[in-house]
Protein backbone atom coordinates (compact mmCIF):
# COMPACT_ATOMS: atom_id res chain seq x y z
CA MET A 1 69.86 79.88 146.38
CA LYS A 2 66.58 78.94 147.98
CA ALA A 3 64.32 76.40 145.90
CA GLU A 4 61.85 79.39 145.50
CA SER A 5 64.26 81.53 143.72
CA PHE A 6 65.39 78.43 141.63
CA ASP A 7 61.78 77.79 140.84
CA GLU A 8 61.11 81.38 139.66
CA LYS A 9 64.29 81.26 137.21
CA ILE A 10 63.18 78.28 135.85
CA GLU A 11 59.55 79.36 135.23
CA ALA A 12 60.76 82.72 133.87
CA GLY A 13 62.77 80.46 131.30
CA LYS A 14 66.17 81.58 132.60
CA ASP A 15 69.10 79.39 132.34
CA VAL A 16 69.98 78.00 135.62
CA THR A 17 73.18 75.75 134.74
CA ALA A 18 75.53 78.18 136.88
CA ASP A 19 73.49 77.81 139.67
CA LEU A 20 73.83 73.87 139.73
CA ASP A 21 76.74 71.69 140.71
CA LEU A 22 77.03 69.32 137.73
CA SER A 23 80.67 67.62 138.97
CA LYS A 24 78.35 64.80 140.42
CA ALA A 25 75.53 64.84 137.95
CA HIS A 26 74.82 61.63 136.19
CA ARG A 27 72.13 59.77 134.19
CA PRO A 28 70.46 57.00 135.78
CA ASN A 29 70.78 53.63 134.27
CA GLN A 30 73.31 55.07 131.71
CA ALA A 31 76.12 53.28 133.28
CA SER A 32 78.15 51.21 130.58
CA ARG A 33 78.49 47.38 130.77
CA ARG A 34 80.69 45.54 128.65
CA VAL A 35 78.80 42.55 126.84
CA ASN A 36 80.62 40.11 124.41
CA VAL A 37 78.48 38.99 121.41
CA ASP A 38 79.31 36.74 118.77
CA PHE A 39 77.97 37.51 115.41
CA PRO A 40 78.38 35.46 112.26
CA GLY A 41 80.73 36.82 109.50
CA TRP A 42 77.55 37.90 107.22
CA MET A 43 76.19 39.65 110.04
CA VAL A 44 79.33 41.75 110.54
CA GLU A 45 79.67 42.38 107.19
CA GLU A 46 76.05 43.65 106.89
CA LEU A 47 76.47 45.79 110.17
CA ASP A 48 79.84 47.42 108.81
CA ARG A 49 78.42 48.20 105.41
CA GLU A 50 75.27 49.99 107.25
CA ALA A 51 77.38 51.77 109.63
CA ARG A 52 80.02 53.00 107.07
CA ARG A 53 76.57 54.27 105.00
CA LEU A 54 75.47 56.00 107.80
CA GLY A 55 78.76 57.27 108.92
CA VAL A 56 79.12 55.69 112.36
CA THR A 57 80.77 53.03 114.15
CA ARG A 58 79.41 49.22 114.10
CA GLN A 59 79.10 49.53 117.98
CA SER A 60 77.03 52.76 117.53
CA ILE A 61 74.39 51.14 114.84
CA ILE A 62 74.31 47.87 117.00
CA LYS A 63 73.09 49.99 120.05
CA VAL A 64 70.61 51.93 118.18
CA TRP A 65 69.24 49.13 116.38
CA LEU A 66 69.01 47.16 119.77
CA SER A 67 67.36 50.12 121.44
CA GLU A 68 64.97 50.61 118.79
CA ARG A 69 63.54 47.24 119.23
CA LEU A 70 63.49 47.29 122.86
CA GLU A 71 61.42 50.38 122.82
CA GLN A 72 59.09 48.56 120.44
CA VAL A 73 58.98 45.58 122.69
CA GLY A 74 58.26 47.94 125.67
CA ALA A 75 55.56 49.51 123.78
CA ASN A 76 54.01 46.20 122.74
CA LYS A 77 53.83 44.91 126.45
CA ARG A 78 52.27 48.28 127.53
CA THR A 79 49.22 47.96 124.99
């Protein structure tokens, strides 16, 4: 398919996923890297309590909270 036809399909709001080769697709800067962090016991207990309340894993809540904080720091740097 030519780029012009592809663009027309997108602009018309048509689904183009069948026209894409997603076998090699990836999200940039999303590769996982393992990091070991030691937390005091009380902090792990609080993390687990909040994770149970939200129905997620401890790892998920740590990632979400760190992501939120990094976004705040980045936003503060831009202002």
